[in-house]
PDB file of N, CA and C in Angstrom:
ATOM      1  N   MET A   1      17.719  32.260 -26.314  1.00  0.00           N
ATOM      2  CA  MET A   1      18.656  31.076 -26.259  1.00  0.00           C
ATOM      3  C   MET A   1      19.128  30.695 -27.580  1.00  0.00           C
ATOM      4  N   GLY A   2      20.380  30.685 -27.839  1.00  0.00           N
ATOM      5  CA  GLY A   2      20.985  30.465 -29.107  1.00  0.00           C
ATOM      6  C   GLY A   2      21.035  28.888 -29.401  1.00  0.00           C
ATOM      7  N   SER A   3      21.000  28.606 -30.660  1.00  0.00           N
ATOM      8  CA  SER A   3      20.981  27.154 -30.953  1.00  0.00           C
ATOM      9  C   SER A   3      22.370  26.556 -30.575  1.00  0.00           C
ATOM     10  N   SER A   4      23.427  27.198 -30.522  1.00  0.00           N
ATOM     11  CA  SER A   4      24.608  26.597 -30.059  1.00  0.00           C
ATOM     12  C   SER A   4      24.603  26.203 -28.605  1.00  0.00           C
ATOM     13  N   GLY A   5      23.894  26.883 -27.710  1.00  0.00           N
ATOM     14  CA  GLY A   5      23.694  26.455 -26.396  1.00  0.00           C
ATOM     15  C   GLY A   5      22.924  25.145 -26.305  1.00  0.00           C
ATOM     16  N   ILE A   6      21.860  25.104 -27.126  1.00  0.00           N
ATOM     17  CA  ILE A   6      21.061  23.841 -27.148  1.00  0.00           C
ATOM     18  C   ILE A   6      21.869  22.674 -27.642  1.00  0.00           C
ATOM     19  N   GLY A   7      22.665  22.856 -28.665  1.00  0.00           N
ATOM     20  CA  GLY A   7      23.476  21.783 -29.211  1.00  0.00           C
ATOM     21  C   GLY A   7      24.527  21.322 -28.247  1.00  0.00           C
ATOM     22  N   CYS A   8      25.097  22.322 -27.497  1.00  0.00           N
ATOM     23  CA  CYS A   8      26.070  21.963 -26.500  1.00  0.00           C
ATOM     24  C   CYS A   8      25.459  21.089 -25.454  1.00  0.00           C
ATOM     25  N   LYS A   9      24.324  21.477 -24.913  1.00  0.00           N
ATOM     26  CA  LYS A   9      23.620  20.696 -23.924  1.00  0.00           C
ATOM     27  C   LYS A   9      23.318  19.375 -24.338  1.00  0.00           C
ATOM     28  N   HIS A  10      22.862  19.320 -25.645  1.00  0.00           N
ATOM     29  CA  HIS A  10      22.438  18.039 -26.342  1.00  0.00           C
ATOM     30  C   HIS A  10      23.612  17.099 -26.297  1.00  0.00           C
ATOM     31  N   ARG A  11      24.790  17.599 -26.659  1.00  0.00           N
ATOM     32  CA  ARG A  11      26.012  16.736 -26.745  1.00  0.00           C
ATOM     33  C   ARG A  11      26.322  16.117 -25.316  1.00  0.00           C
ATOM     34  N   HIS A  12      26.109  16.998 -24.308  1.00  0.00           N
ATOM     35  CA  HIS A  12      26.368  16.567 -22.957  1.00  0.00           C
ATOM     36  C   HIS A  12      25.359  15.470 -22.512  1.00  0.00           C
ATOM     37  N   LEU A  13      24.129  15.630 -22.903  1.00  0.00           N
ATOM     38  CA  LEU A  13      23.127  14.634 -22.626  1.00  0.00           C
ATOM     39  C   LEU A  13      23.515  13.350 -23.177  1.00  0.00           C
ATOM     40  N   ASN A  14      23.818  13.324 -24.486  1.00  0.00           N
ATOM     41  CA  ASN A  14      24.192  12.100 -25.142  1.00  0.00           C
ATOM     42  C   ASN A  14      25.428  11.506 -24.539  1.00  0.00           C
ATOM     43  N   ALA A  15      26.433  12.270 -24.123  1.00  0.00           N
ATOM     44  CA  ALA A  15      27.603  11.672 -23.425  1.00  0.00           C
ATOM     45  C   ALA A  15      27.185  11.121 -22.013  1.00  0.00           C
ATOM     46  N   ASP A  16      26.446  11.865 -21.260  1.00  0.00           N
ATOM     47  CA  ASP A  16      26.107  11.475 -19.943  1.00  0.00           C
ATOM     48  C   ASP A  16      25.144  10.221 -19.910  1.00  0.00           C
ATOM     49  N   THR A  17      24.225  10.072 -20.828  1.00  0.00           N
ATOM     50  CA  THR A  17      23.379   8.940 -20.848  1.00  0.00           C
ATOM     51  C   THR A  17      23.974   7.740 -21.560  1.00  0.00           C
ATOM     52  N   GLY A  18      24.839   7.961 -22.468  1.00  0.00           N
ATOM     53  CA  GLY A  18      25.403   6.865 -23.284  1.00  0.00           C
ATOM     54  C   GLY A  18      24.389   6.596 -24.461  1.00  0.00           C
ATOM     55  N   HIS A  19      23.437   7.331 -24.742  1.00  0.00           N
ATOM     56  CA  HIS A  19      22.529   7.149 -25.812  1.00  0.00           C
ATOM     57  C   HIS A  19      22.642   8.254 -26.913  1.00  0.00           C
ATOM     58  N   LEU A  20      22.140   7.972 -28.024  1.00  0.00           N
ATOM     59  CA  LEU A  20      22.170   9.112 -29.095  1.00  0.00           C
ATOM     60  C   LEU A  20      20.756   9.573 -29.211  1.00  0.00           C
ATOM     61  N   HIS A  21      20.449  10.734 -28.700  1.00  0.00           N
ATOM     62  CA  HIS A  21      19.135  11.363 -28.764  1.00  0.00           C
ATOM     63  C   HIS A  21      19.175  12.392 -29.843  1.00  0.00           C
ATOM     64  N   ALA A  22      18.302  12.279 -30.834  1.00  0.00           N
ATOM     65  CA  ALA A  22      18.258  13.296 -31.846  1.00  0.00           C
ATOM     66  C   ALA A  22      17.660  14.471 -31.325  1.00  0.00           C
ATOM     67  N   GLN A  23      18.111  15.682 -31.806  1.00  0.00           N
ATOM     68  CA  GLN A  23      17.746  17.023 -31.356  1.00  0.00           C
ATOM     69  C   GLN A  23      16.590  17.441 -32.255  1.00  0.00           C
ATOM     70  N   ALA A  24      15.613  18.017 -31.645  1.00  0.00           N
ATOM     71  CA  ALA A  24      14.456  18.583 -32.390  1.00  0.00           C
ATOM     72  C   ALA A  24      15.004  19.725 -33.212  1.00  0.00           C
ATOM     73  N   SER A  25      14.348  19.980 -34.377  1.00  0.00           N
ATOM     74  CA  SER A  25      14.777  21.182 -35.237  1.00  0.00           C
ATOM     75  C   SER A  25      14.483  22.475 -34.393  1.00  0.00           C
ATOM     76  N   ARG A  26      15.226  23.515 -34.770  1.00  0.00           N
ATOM     77  CA  ARG A  26      14.989  24.743 -34.165  1.00  0.00           C
ATOM     78  C   ARG A  26      13.549  25.220 -34.156  1.00  0.00           C
ATOM     79  N   GLU A  27      12.898  24.989 -35.331  1.00  0.00           N
ATOM     80  CA  GLU A  27      11.500  25.436 -35.453  1.00  0.00           C
ATOM     81  C   GLU A  27      10.614  24.574 -34.573  1.00  0.00           C
ATOM     82  N   GLU A  28      10.801  23.307 -34.510  1.00  0.00           N
ATOM     83  CA  GLU A  28      10.080  22.413 -33.582  1.00  0.00           C
ATOM     84  C   GLU A  28      10.252  22.783 -32.134  1.00  0.00           C
ATOM     85  N   PHE A  29      11.515  23.042 -31.719  1.00  0.00           N
ATOM     86  CA  PHE A  29      11.832  23.494 -30.393  1.00  0.00           C
ATOM     87  C   PHE A  29      11.070  24.766 -30.040  1.00  0.00           C
ATOM     88  N   GLN A  30      11.090  25.777 -30.901  1.00  0.00           N
ATOM     89  CA  GLN A  30      10.464  27.059 -30.668  1.00  0.00           C
ATOM     90  C   GLN A  30       8.963  26.884 -30.524  1.00  0.00           C
ATOM     91  N   MET A  31       8.357  25.980 -31.422  1.00  0.00           N
ATOM     92  CA  MET A  31       6.884  25.734 -31.326  1.00  0.00           C
ATOM     93  C   MET A  31       6.534  25.056 -30.015  1.00  0.00           C
ATOM     94  N   ARG A  32       7.344  24.108 -29.579  1.00  0.00           N
ATOM     95  CA  ARG A  32       7.048  23.379 -28.333  1.00  0.00           C
ATOM     96  C   ARG A  32       7.200  24.373 -27.193  1.00  0.00           C
ATOM     97  N   LEU A  33       8.165  25.213 -27.241  1.00  0.00           N
ATOM     98  CA  LEU A  33       8.434  26.091 -26.148  1.00  0.00           C
ATOM     99  C   LEU A  33       7.230  27.134 -25.984  1.00  0.00           C
ATOM    100  N   VAL A  34       6.825  27.668 -27.096  1.00  0.00           N
ATOM    101  CA  VAL A  34       5.738  28.591 -27.098  1.00  0.00           C
ATOM    102  C   VAL A  34       4.392  27.839 -26.618  1.00  0.00           C
ATOM    103  N   ARG A  35       4.120  26.714 -27.085  1.00  0.00           N
ATOM    104  CA  ARG A  35       2.984  26.000 -26.706  1.00  0.00           C
ATOM    105  C   ARG A  35       3.005  25.657 -25.216  1.00  0.00           C
ATOM    106  N   ALA A  36       4.183  25.250 -24.733  1.00  0.00           N
ATOM    107  CA  ALA A  36       4.340  24.933 -23.317  1.00  0.00           C
ATOM    108  C   ALA A  36       4.174  26.173 -22.448  1.00  0.00           C
ATOM    109  N   GLU A  37       4.759  27.238 -22.832  1.00  0.00           N
ATOM    110  CA  GLU A  37       4.753  28.426 -22.056  1.00  0.00           C
ATOM    111  C   GLU A  37       3.213  28.873 -21.958  1.00  0.00           C
ATOM    112  N   GLU A  38       2.538  28.769 -22.995  1.00  0.00           N
ATOM    113  CA  GLU A  38       1.124  29.213 -22.910  1.00  0.00           C
ATOM    114  C   GLU A  38       0.254  28.244 -22.091  1.00  0.00           C
ATOM    115  N   ASN A  39       0.600  26.880 -22.092  1.00  0.00           N
ATOM    116  CA  ASN A  39      -0.195  25.925 -21.339  1.00  0.00           C
ATOM    117  C   ASN A  39       0.233  25.803 -19.905  1.00  0.00           C
ATOM    118  N   GLU A  40       1.546  25.763 -19.648  1.00  0.00           N
ATOM    119  CA  GLU A  40       2.179  25.456 -18.363  1.00  0.00           C
ATOM    120  C   GLU A  40       2.770  26.686 -17.690  1.00  0.00           C
ATOM    121  N   GLY A  41       3.100  27.698 -18.398  1.00  0.00           N
ATOM    122  CA  GLY A  41       3.903  28.746 -17.884  1.00  0.00           C
ATOM    123  C   GLY A  41       5.395  28.326 -17.753  1.00  0.00           C
ATOM    124  N   LEU A  42       6.249  29.207 -17.482  1.00  0.00           N
ATOM    125  CA  LEU A  42       7.630  28.987 -17.423  1.00  0.00           C
ATOM    126  C   LEU A  42       8.072  28.699 -15.963  1.00  0.00           C
ATOM    127  N   PRO A  43       8.950  27.760 -15.707  1.00  0.00           N
ATOM    128  CA  PRO A  43       9.499  27.607 -14.401  1.00  0.00           C
ATOM    129  C   PRO A  43      10.458  28.823 -14.087  1.00  0.00           C
ATOM    130  N   PRO A  44      10.727  28.994 -12.763  1.00  0.00           N
ATOM    131  CA  PRO A  44      11.682  30.030 -12.432  1.00  0.00           C
ATOM    132  C   PRO A  44      13.020  29.872 -13.097  1.00  0.00           C
ATOM    133  N   LEU A  45      13.557  30.921 -13.638  1.00  0.00           N
ATOM    134  CA  LEU A  45      14.787  30.816 -14.488  1.00  0.00           C
ATOM    135  C   LEU A  45      15.963  30.466 -13.551  1.00  0.00           C
ATOM    136  N   ASP A  46      15.889  30.680 -12.296  1.00  0.00           N
ATOM    137  CA  ASP A  46      17.067  30.370 -11.409  1.00  0.00           C
ATOM    138  C   ASP A  46      16.907  29.011 -10.791  1.00  0.00           C
ATOM    139  N   ASP A  47      15.923  28.212 -11.116  1.00  0.00           N
ATOM    140  CA  ASP A  47      15.734  26.831 -10.707  1.00  0.00           C
ATOM    141  C   ASP A  47      16.269  25.894 -11.835  1.00  0.00           C
ATOM    142  N   GLU A  48      17.526  25.490 -11.818  1.00  0.00           N
ATOM    143  CA  GLU A  48      18.059  24.764 -12.926  1.00  0.00           C
ATOM    144  C   GLU A  48      17.389  23.389 -13.125  1.00  0.00           C
ATOM    145  N   LYS A  49      17.040  22.689 -12.041  1.00  0.00           N
ATOM    146  CA  LYS A  49      16.439  21.355 -12.152  1.00  0.00           C
ATOM    147  C   LYS A  49      15.051  21.524 -12.754  1.00  0.00           C
ATOM    148  N   LEU A  50      14.231  22.441 -12.336  1.00  0.00           N
ATOM    149  CA  LEU A  50      12.901  22.681 -12.907  1.00  0.00           C
ATOM    150  C   LEU A  50      13.038  23.133 -14.497  1.00  0.00           C
ATOM    151  N   MET A  51      13.955  23.973 -14.654  1.00  0.00           N
ATOM    152  CA  MET A  51      14.195  24.448 -16.091  1.00  0.00           C
ATOM    153  C   MET A  51      14.557  23.311 -16.903  1.00  0.00           C
ATOM    154  N   ALA A  52      15.502  22.418 -16.479  1.00  0.00           N
ATOM    155  CA  ALA A  52      15.910  21.243 -17.296  1.00  0.00           C
ATOM    156  C   ALA A  52      14.743  20.308 -17.447  1.00  0.00           C
ATOM    157  N   ARG A  53      13.901  20.024 -16.470  1.00  0.00           N
ATOM    158  CA  ARG A  53      12.728  19.219 -16.730  1.00  0.00           C
ATOM    159  C   ARG A  53      11.718  19.842 -17.728  1.00  0.00           C
ATOM    160  N   PHE A  54      11.676  21.141 -17.651  1.00  0.00           N
ATOM    161  CA  PHE A  54      10.803  21.887 -18.587  1.00  0.00           C
ATOM    162  C   PHE A  54      11.360  21.789 -20.054  1.00  0.00           C
ATOM    163  N   LEU A  55      12.642  22.020 -20.234  1.00  0.00           N
ATOM    164  CA  LEU A  55      13.216  22.126 -21.579  1.00  0.00           C
ATOM    165  C   LEU A  55      13.466  20.831 -22.220  1.00  0.00           C
ATOM    166  N   LEU A  56      13.839  19.781 -21.442  1.00  0.00           N
ATOM    167  CA  LEU A  56      14.305  18.507 -22.005  1.00  0.00           C
ATOM    168  C   LEU A  56      13.311  17.933 -23.050  1.00  0.00           C
ATOM    169  N   PRO A  57      12.036  17.880 -22.796  1.00  0.00           N
ATOM    170  CA  PRO A  57      11.149  17.248 -23.809  1.00  0.00           C
ATOM    171  C   PRO A  57      10.992  18.134 -25.039  1.00  0.00           C
ATOM    172  N   LYS A  58      11.381  19.418 -24.914  1.00  0.00           N
ATOM    173  CA  LYS A  58      11.267  20.323 -26.067  1.00  0.00           C
ATOM    174  C   LYS A  58      12.473  20.305 -26.917  1.00  0.00           C
ATOM    175  N   VAL A  59      13.603  19.880 -26.376  1.00  0.00           N
ATOM    176  CA  VAL A  59      14.845  19.770 -27.128  1.00  0.00           C
ATOM    177  C   VAL A  59      14.964  18.478 -27.888  1.00  0.00           C
ATOM    178  N   LEU A  60      14.551  17.379 -27.264  1.00  0.00           N
ATOM    179  CA  LEU A  60      14.625  16.100 -27.930  1.00  0.00           C
ATOM    180  C   LEU A  60      13.588  15.906 -28.938  1.00  0.00           C
ATOM    181  N   ARG A  61      14.023  15.329 -30.094  1.00  0.00           N
ATOM    182  CA  ARG A  61      13.031  15.136 -31.248  1.00  0.00           C
ATOM    183  C   ARG A  61      12.013  14.032 -30.755  1.00  0.00           C
ATOM    184  N   ASP A  62      12.371  13.052 -30.065  1.00  0.00           N
ATOM    185  CA  ASP A  62      11.484  11.968 -29.505  1.00  0.00           C
ATOM    186  C   ASP A  62      11.688  11.878 -27.971  1.00  0.00           C
ATOM    187  N   ALA A  63      10.778  12.457 -27.252  1.00  0.00           N
ATOM    188  CA  ALA A  63      10.919  12.525 -25.810  1.00  0.00           C
ATOM    189  C   ALA A  63      10.223  11.423 -25.162  1.00  0.00           C
ATOM    190  N   THR A  64      10.339  10.238 -25.671  1.00  0.00           N
ATOM    191  CA  THR A  64       9.553   9.004 -25.051  1.00  0.00           C
ATOM    192  C   THR A  64      10.510   8.086 -24.139  1.00  0.00           C
ATOM    193  N   ASP A  65      11.761   8.454 -24.051  1.00  0.00           N
ATOM    194  CA  ASP A  65      12.658   7.618 -23.300  1.00  0.00           C
ATOM    195  C   ASP A  65      12.436   7.979 -21.825  1.00  0.00           C
ATOM    196  N   LEU A  66      11.699   7.225 -21.073  1.00  0.00           N
ATOM    197  CA  LEU A  66      11.358   7.613 -19.664  1.00  0.00           C
ATOM    198  C   LEU A  66      12.568   7.701 -18.821  1.00  0.00           C
ATOM    199  N   VAL A  67      13.566   6.878 -18.976  1.00  0.00           N
ATOM    200  CA  VAL A  67      14.793   6.909 -18.110  1.00  0.00           C
ATOM    201  C   VAL A  67      15.369   8.343 -18.280  1.00  0.00           C
ATOM    202  N   VAL A  68      15.611   8.788 -19.479  1.00  0.00           N
ATOM    203  CA  VAL A  68      16.119  10.124 -19.710  1.00  0.00           C
ATOM    204  C   VAL A  68      15.231  11.227 -19.148  1.00  0.00           C
ATOM    205  N   MET A  69      13.934  11.068 -19.338  1.00  0.00           N
ATOM    206  CA  MET A  69      12.981  12.108 -18.844  1.00  0.00           C
ATOM    207  C   MET A  69      12.912  12.206 -17.358  1.00  0.00           C
ATOM    208  N   GLN A  70      13.166  11.113 -16.670  1.00  0.00           N
ATOM    209  CA  GLN A  70      13.091  11.067 -15.218  1.00  0.00           C
ATOM    210  C   GLN A  70      14.437  11.414 -14.601  1.00  0.00           C
ATOM    211  N   GLY A  71      15.553  11.400 -15.354  1.00  0.00           N
ATOM    212  CA  GLY A  71      16.927  11.560 -14.870  1.00  0.00           C
ATOM    213  C   GLY A  71      17.252  12.918 -14.416  1.00  0.00           C
TER     214      GLY A  71
END
């Protein structure tokens, strides 16, 4: 997954929610992704909703906004 794809989705999230959510660094995202994969496993790649719920807290620098996390 290229960083440009993450940045694009990040801009859409900010536009859709009306908030400014800082994006995690590439290194932080990769570390979170590897840790989650080891602990939780990956959701099915063809299930966009589950994949979004899996990836969102790894993409955002501060994933404590419950409205965004539940949206």
